[in-house]
Amino acid sequence: LEGDDNLQIYMKNVSQQANLVTYLESVNIVREVKRSEVTAMTLSAVNRLITLISAGVILVLLGVSIFLISNTVTIGIEIRRNEIEIMKYVGAGDFIVRGPFVIEGMLIGLIGSLIPLALIYVLYGEAVEYFSSKFSILSMFLQFYSPAVIFQKLMPITLGVGVGIGILGSLSSVRRHLNV
């Protein structure tokens, strides 16, 4: 590199900044390495804080979801209490009695996961357009994924978690309120 040529390096893991700076300073053709350790450490700390807060919020939402599904299935069990007793008198097996309530929980979880997926698909695209138009400088530092890519990655995870929460919520309710 001759004259005033510059090389800008963007790191995915800022915790390795010191190692990279040491390496770059040892390269013969590098005249100067500019860095901001305070900025890098601040961003790293903010990232950790956001991760911890997000994990806490997710755990609370999972607990609330399981609670709501469990209560919904409990209401269904109480409404059908006489039918369940008749089914047991005529010899219905445990799976025949419990199965519909587990399926109900799965469907509630599935529907509960489809709604946020649809919102994410629409709102993420709008947010990317807004930030790209209002803060064009961000495009120099950030590359946003398309909504289709985000949706493709989130869909199986979200649907699986939704169905799993539905199963957990319905099983906890069935075990507590249905003695078959």
C-alpha atoms as a PDB file:
ATOM      1  CA  LEU A   1       0.000   0.000   0.000  1.00  0.00           C
ATOM      2  CA  GLU A   2       1.417   3.341  -0.999  1.00  0.00           C
ATOM      3  CA  GLY A   3       0.663   6.845   0.145  1.00  0.00           C
ATOM      4  CA  ASP A   4      -2.479   7.321   2.172  1.00  0.00           C
ATOM      5  CA  ASP A   5      -4.089   3.964   1.507  1.00  0.00           C
ATOM      6  CA  ASN A   6      -6.086   2.593   4.396  1.00  0.00           C
ATOM      7  CA  LEU A   7      -7.414  -0.772   5.355  1.00  0.00           C
ATOM      8  CA  GLN A   8     -10.508  -0.941   7.542  1.00  0.00           C
ATOM      9  CA  ILE A   9     -11.119  -4.138   9.464  1.00  0.00           C
ATOM     10  CA  TYR A  10     -14.443  -4.971  11.091  1.00  0.00           C
ATOM     11  CA  MET A  11     -14.425  -7.648  13.746  1.00  0.00           C
ATOM     12  CA  LYS A  12     -17.180 -10.065  14.610  1.00  0.00           C
ATOM     13  CA  ASN A  13     -15.689 -10.722  18.047  1.00  0.00           C
ATOM     14  CA  VAL A  14     -14.308  -7.535  19.613  1.00  0.00           C
ATOM     15  CA  SER A  15     -12.836  -9.454  22.527  1.00  0.00           C
ATOM     16  CA  GLN A  16     -10.031 -10.481  20.152  1.00  0.00           C
ATOM     17  CA  GLN A  17      -9.155  -6.871  19.299  1.00  0.00           C
ATOM     18  CA  ALA A  18      -5.933  -6.814  21.348  1.00  0.00           C
ATOM     19  CA  ASN A  19      -4.613  -9.938  19.593  1.00  0.00           C
ATOM     20  CA  LEU A  20      -5.431  -8.516  16.165  1.00  0.00           C
ATOM     21  CA  VAL A  21      -3.789  -5.173  16.973  1.00  0.00           C
ATOM     22  CA  THR A  22      -0.637  -6.932  18.210  1.00  0.00           C
ATOM     23  CA  TYR A  23      -0.492  -8.981  15.023  1.00  0.00           C
ATOM     24  CA  LEU A  24      -1.093  -6.002  12.736  1.00  0.00           C
ATOM     25  CA  GLU A  25       1.560  -3.920  14.488  1.00  0.00           C
ATOM     26  CA  SER A  26       4.079  -6.701  13.840  1.00  0.00           C
ATOM     27  CA  VAL A  27       3.417  -6.651  10.076  1.00  0.00           C
ATOM     28  CA  ASN A  28       6.141  -4.647   8.276  1.00  0.00           C
ATOM     29  CA  ILE A  29       3.920  -2.781   5.837  1.00  0.00           C
ATOM     30  CA  VAL A  30       1.548  -1.485   8.540  1.00  0.00           C
ATOM     31  CA  ARG A  31       2.531   2.008   9.649  1.00  0.00           C
ATOM     32  CA  GLU A  32      -0.199   2.761  12.167  1.00  0.00           C
ATOM     33  CA  VAL A  33      -3.071   0.915  13.816  1.00  0.00           C
ATOM     34  CA  LYS A  34      -5.958   3.054  15.043  1.00  0.00           C
ATOM     35  CA  ARG A  35      -8.335   1.515  17.504  1.00  0.00           C
ATOM     36  CA  SER A  36     -10.719   2.431  20.267  1.00  0.00           C
ATOM     37  CA  GLU A  37     -10.498  -0.048  23.096  1.00  0.00           C
ATOM     38  CA  VAL A  38     -13.046   1.890  25.146  1.00  0.00           C
ATOM     39  CA  THR A  39     -15.592   1.705  22.329  1.00  0.00           C
ATOM     40  CA  ALA A  40     -14.901  -1.973  21.729  1.00  0.00           C
ATOM     41  CA  MET A  41     -15.236  -2.864  25.405  1.00  0.00           C
ATOM     42  CA  THR A  42     -18.369  -0.731  25.783  1.00  0.00           C
ATOM     43  CA  LEU A  43     -19.992  -2.426  22.792  1.00  0.00           C
ATOM     44  CA  SER A  44     -18.997  -5.810  24.157  1.00  0.00           C
ATOM     45  CA  ALA A  45     -20.471  -4.999  27.583  1.00  0.00           C
ATOM     46  CA  VAL A  46     -23.697  -3.680  26.028  1.00  0.00           C
ATOM     47  CA  ASN A  47     -23.932  -6.830  23.921  1.00  0.00           C
ATOM     48  CA  ARG A  48     -23.578  -9.028  27.026  1.00  0.00           C
ATOM     49  CA  LEU A  49     -26.171  -6.962  28.897  1.00  0.00           C
ATOM     50  CA  ILE A  50     -28.658  -7.185  26.031  1.00  0.00           C
ATOM     51  CA  THR A  51     -28.074 -10.939  25.832  1.00  0.00           C
ATOM     52  CA  LEU A  52     -28.759 -11.400  29.560  1.00  0.00           C
ATOM     53  CA  ILE A  53     -31.859  -9.198  29.515  1.00  0.00           C
ATOM     54  CA  SER A  54     -33.161 -10.996  26.424  1.00  0.00           C
ATOM     55  CA  ALA A  55     -32.621 -14.388  28.052  1.00  0.00           C
ATOM     56  CA  GLY A  56     -34.511 -13.239  31.147  1.00  0.00           C
ATOM     57  CA  VAL A  57     -37.419 -11.900  29.101  1.00  0.00           C
ATOM     58  CA  ILE A  58     -37.552 -15.112  27.060  1.00  0.00           C
ATOM     59  CA  LEU A  59     -37.654 -17.247  30.221  1.00  0.00           C
ATOM     60  CA  VAL A  60     -40.474 -15.139  31.667  1.00  0.00           C
ATOM     61  CA  LEU A  61     -42.435 -15.345  28.400  1.00  0.00           C
ATOM     62  CA  LEU A  62     -41.923 -19.118  28.236  1.00  0.00           C
ATOM     63  CA  GLY A  63     -43.239 -19.467  31.779  1.00  0.00           C
ATOM     64  CA  VAL A  64     -46.246 -17.274  31.036  1.00  0.00           C
ATOM     65  CA  SER A  65     -46.962 -19.230  27.843  1.00  0.00           C
ATOM     66  CA  ILE A  66     -46.868 -22.574  29.636  1.00  0.00           C
ATOM     67  CA  PHE A  67     -49.106 -21.153  32.379  1.00  0.00           C
ATOM     68  CA  LEU A  68     -51.674 -19.828  29.878  1.00  0.00           C
ATOM     69  CA  ILE A  69     -51.768 -23.047  27.861  1.00  0.00           C
ATOM     70  CA  SER A  70     -52.053 -25.083  31.049  1.00  0.00           C
ATOM     71  CA  ASN A  71     -54.989 -22.974  32.224  1.00  0.00           C
ATOM     72  CA  THR A  72     -56.706 -23.196  28.836  1.00  0.00           C
ATOM     73  CA  VAL A  73     -56.408 -26.989  28.820  1.00  0.00           C
ATOM     74  CA  THR A  74     -57.581 -27.119  32.454  1.00  0.00           C
ATOM     75  CA  ILE A  75     -60.733 -25.245  31.470  1.00  0.00           C
ATOM     76  CA  GLY A  76     -61.302 -27.774  28.679  1.00  0.00           C
ATOM     77  CA  ILE A  77     -60.840 -30.653  31.116  1.00  0.00           C
ATOM     78  CA  GLU A  78     -63.316 -29.174  33.588  1.00  0.00           C
ATOM     79  CA  ILE A  79     -65.887 -28.527  30.854  1.00  0.00           C
ATOM     80  CA  ARG A  80     -65.614 -32.120  29.635  1.00  0.00           C
ATOM     81  CA  ARG A  81     -65.408 -33.755  33.087  1.00  0.00           C
ATOM     82  CA  ASN A  82     -68.667 -35.738  32.642  1.00  0.00           C
ATOM     83  CA  GLU A  83     -67.654 -36.901  29.154  1.00  0.00           C
ATOM     84  CA  ILE A  84     -64.282 -38.062  30.487  1.00  0.00           C
ATOM     85  CA  GLU A  85     -65.954 -40.079  33.255  1.00  0.00           C
ATOM     86  CA  ILE A  86     -68.270 -41.746  30.735  1.00  0.00           C
ATOM     87  CA  MET A  87     -65.308 -42.532  28.456  1.00  0.00           C
ATOM     88  CA  LYS A  88     -63.500 -44.198  31.372  1.00  0.00           C
ATOM     89  CA  TYR A  89     -66.620 -46.209  32.322  1.00  0.00           C
ATOM     90  CA  VAL A  90     -66.861 -47.647  28.813  1.00  0.00           C
ATOM     91  CA  GLY A  91     -63.170 -48.621  28.845  1.00  0.00           C
ATOM     92  CA  ALA A  92     -61.361 -45.815  27.017  1.00  0.00           C
ATOM     93  CA  GLY A  93     -57.594 -45.965  27.491  1.00  0.00           C
ATOM     94  CA  ASP A  94     -55.489 -43.221  29.011  1.00  0.00           C
ATOM     95  CA  PHE A  95     -54.188 -42.089  25.621  1.00  0.00           C
ATOM     96  CA  ILE A  96     -57.713 -41.796  24.214  1.00  0.00           C
ATOM     97  CA  VAL A  97     -58.720 -39.586  27.147  1.00  0.00           C
ATOM     98  CA  ARG A  98     -55.525 -37.508  27.411  1.00  0.00           C
ATOM     99  CA  GLY A  99     -54.630 -37.326  23.714  1.00  0.00           C
ATOM    100  CA  PRO A 100     -57.136 -34.653  22.669  1.00  0.00           C
ATOM    101  CA  PHE A 101     -55.952 -32.322  25.429  1.00  0.00           C
ATOM    102  CA  VAL A 102     -52.308 -32.741  24.414  1.00  0.00           C
ATOM    103  CA  ILE A 103     -53.253 -32.073  20.785  1.00  0.00           C
ATOM    104  CA  GLU A 104     -55.208 -29.004  21.930  1.00  0.00           C
ATOM    105  CA  GLY A 105     -52.098 -27.706  23.697  1.00  0.00           C
ATOM    106  CA  MET A 106     -49.964 -28.395  20.628  1.00  0.00           C
ATOM    107  CA  LEU A 107     -52.386 -26.474  18.411  1.00  0.00           C
ATOM    108  CA  ILE A 108     -52.503 -23.539  20.830  1.00  0.00           C
ATOM    109  CA  GLY A 109     -48.687 -23.465  20.854  1.00  0.00           C
ATOM    110  CA  LEU A 110     -48.551 -23.712  17.056  1.00  0.00           C
ATOM    111  CA  ILE A 111     -51.010 -20.867  16.571  1.00  0.00           C
ATOM    112  CA  GLY A 112     -49.216 -18.885  19.253  1.00  0.00           C
ATOM    113  CA  SER A 113     -45.956 -19.241  17.318  1.00  0.00           C
ATOM    114  CA  LEU A 114     -47.439 -18.439  13.892  1.00  0.00           C
ATOM    115  CA  ILE A 115     -48.676 -15.020  15.012  1.00  0.00           C
ATOM    116  CA  PRO A 116     -45.223 -13.681  16.022  1.00  0.00           C
ATOM    117  CA  LEU A 117     -43.697 -15.198  12.886  1.00  0.00           C
ATOM    118  CA  ALA A 118     -46.112 -13.235  10.715  1.00  0.00           C
ATOM    119  CA  LEU A 119     -45.430 -10.065  12.699  1.00  0.00           C
ATOM    120  CA  ILE A 120     -41.662 -10.552  12.440  1.00  0.00           C
ATOM    121  CA  TYR A 121     -41.893 -11.078   8.688  1.00  0.00           C
ATOM    122  CA  VAL A 122     -43.806  -7.844   8.163  1.00  0.00           C
ATOM    123  CA  LEU A 123     -42.247  -5.632  10.832  1.00  0.00           C
ATOM    124  CA  TYR A 124     -38.633  -6.654  10.211  1.00  0.00           C
ATOM    125  CA  GLY A 125     -38.871  -5.628   6.563  1.00  0.00           C
ATOM    126  CA  GLU A 126     -40.413  -2.301   7.556  1.00  0.00           C
ATOM    127  CA  ALA A 127     -37.744  -1.716  10.220  1.00  0.00           C
ATOM    128  CA  VAL A 128     -34.921  -2.435   7.766  1.00  0.00           C
ATOM    129  CA  GLU A 129     -36.388   0.000   5.232  1.00  0.00           C
ATOM    130  CA  TYR A 130     -36.862   2.664   7.908  1.00  0.00           C
ATOM    131  CA  PHE A 131     -33.355   2.387   9.343  1.00  0.00           C
ATOM    132  CA  SER A 132     -31.780   2.188   5.900  1.00  0.00           C
ATOM    133  CA  SER A 133     -33.534   5.368   4.763  1.00  0.00           C
ATOM    134  CA  LYS A 134     -33.197   7.386   7.993  1.00  0.00           C
ATOM    135  CA  PHE A 135     -29.715   6.253   8.979  1.00  0.00           C
ATOM    136  CA  SER A 136     -27.917   5.614   5.698  1.00  0.00           C
ATOM    137  CA  ILE A 137     -24.578   5.650   7.515  1.00  0.00           C
ATOM    138  CA  LEU A 138     -25.560   2.316   9.073  1.00  0.00           C
ATOM    139  CA  SER A 139     -25.235   0.611   5.700  1.00  0.00           C
ATOM    140  CA  MET A 140     -21.490   1.207   5.912  1.00  0.00           C
ATOM    141  CA  PHE A 141     -21.268  -0.781   9.146  1.00  0.00           C
ATOM    142  CA  LEU A 142     -24.223  -3.153   9.106  1.00  0.00           C
ATOM    143  CA  GLN A 143     -25.609  -5.511   6.556  1.00  0.00           C
ATOM    144  CA  PHE A 144     -29.239  -6.414   7.162  1.00  0.00           C
ATOM    145  CA  TYR A 145     -30.539  -9.823   6.204  1.00  0.00           C
ATOM    146  CA  SER A 146     -33.601  -9.964   4.007  1.00  0.00           C
ATOM    147  CA  PRO A 147     -36.894 -10.831   5.728  1.00  0.00           C
ATOM    148  CA  ALA A 148     -36.989 -14.111   3.775  1.00  0.00           C
ATOM    149  CA  VAL A 149     -33.626 -15.198   5.218  1.00  0.00           C
ATOM    150  CA  ILE A 150     -34.663 -14.263   8.769  1.00  0.00           C
ATOM    151  CA  PHE A 151     -38.007 -16.015   8.324  1.00  0.00           C
ATOM    152  CA  GLN A 152     -36.341 -19.150   6.941  1.00  0.00           C
ATOM    153  CA  LYS A 153     -34.043 -19.392   9.972  1.00  0.00           C
ATOM    154  CA  LEU A 154     -36.651 -18.487  12.597  1.00  0.00           C
ATOM    155  CA  MET A 155     -39.585 -20.526  11.305  1.00  0.00           C
ATOM    156  CA  PRO A 156     -38.485 -24.049  12.300  1.00  0.00           C
ATOM    157  CA  ILE A 157     -37.170 -22.869  15.667  1.00  0.00           C
ATOM    158  CA  THR A 158     -40.266 -20.835  16.487  1.00  0.00           C
ATOM    159  CA  LEU A 159     -42.702 -23.536  15.397  1.00  0.00           C
ATOM    160  CA  GLY A 160     -40.779 -26.179  17.348  1.00  0.00           C
ATOM    161  CA  VAL A 161     -40.686 -24.046  20.488  1.00  0.00           C
ATOM    162  CA  GLY A 162     -44.396 -23.239  20.122  1.00  0.00           C
ATOM    163  CA  VAL A 163     -45.402 -26.879  19.785  1.00  0.00           C
ATOM    164  CA  GLY A 164     -43.028 -27.837  22.617  1.00  0.00           C
ATOM    165  CA  ILE A 165     -44.506 -25.218  24.932  1.00  0.00           C
ATOM    166  CA  GLY A 166     -47.972 -26.433  23.976  1.00  0.00           C
ATOM    167  CA  ILE A 167     -47.058 -30.008  24.856  1.00  0.00           C
ATOM    168  CA  LEU A 168     -45.474 -28.986  28.184  1.00  0.00           C
ATOM    169  CA  GLY A 169     -48.419 -26.811  29.147  1.00  0.00           C
ATOM    170  CA  SER A 170     -51.019 -29.415  28.252  1.00  0.00           C
ATOM    171  CA  LEU A 171     -49.129 -32.296  29.895  1.00  0.00           C
ATOM    172  CA  SER A 172     -48.742 -30.353  33.132  1.00  0.00           C
ATOM    173  CA  SER A 173     -52.455 -29.612  33.138  1.00  0.00           C
ATOM    174  CA  VAL A 174     -53.458 -33.156  32.197  1.00  0.00           C
ATOM    175  CA  ARG A 175     -51.277 -34.652  34.948  1.00  0.00           C
ATOM    176  CA  ARG A 176     -52.643 -32.273  37.560  1.00  0.00           C
ATOM    177  CA  HIS A 177     -56.340 -32.301  36.713  1.00  0.00           C
ATOM    178  CA  LEU A 178     -57.034 -35.554  34.927  1.00  0.00           C
ATOM    179  CA  ASN A 179     -56.802 -38.713  37.004  1.00  0.00           C
ATOM    180  CA  VAL A 180     -57.331 -41.533  34.539  1.00  0.00           C
END
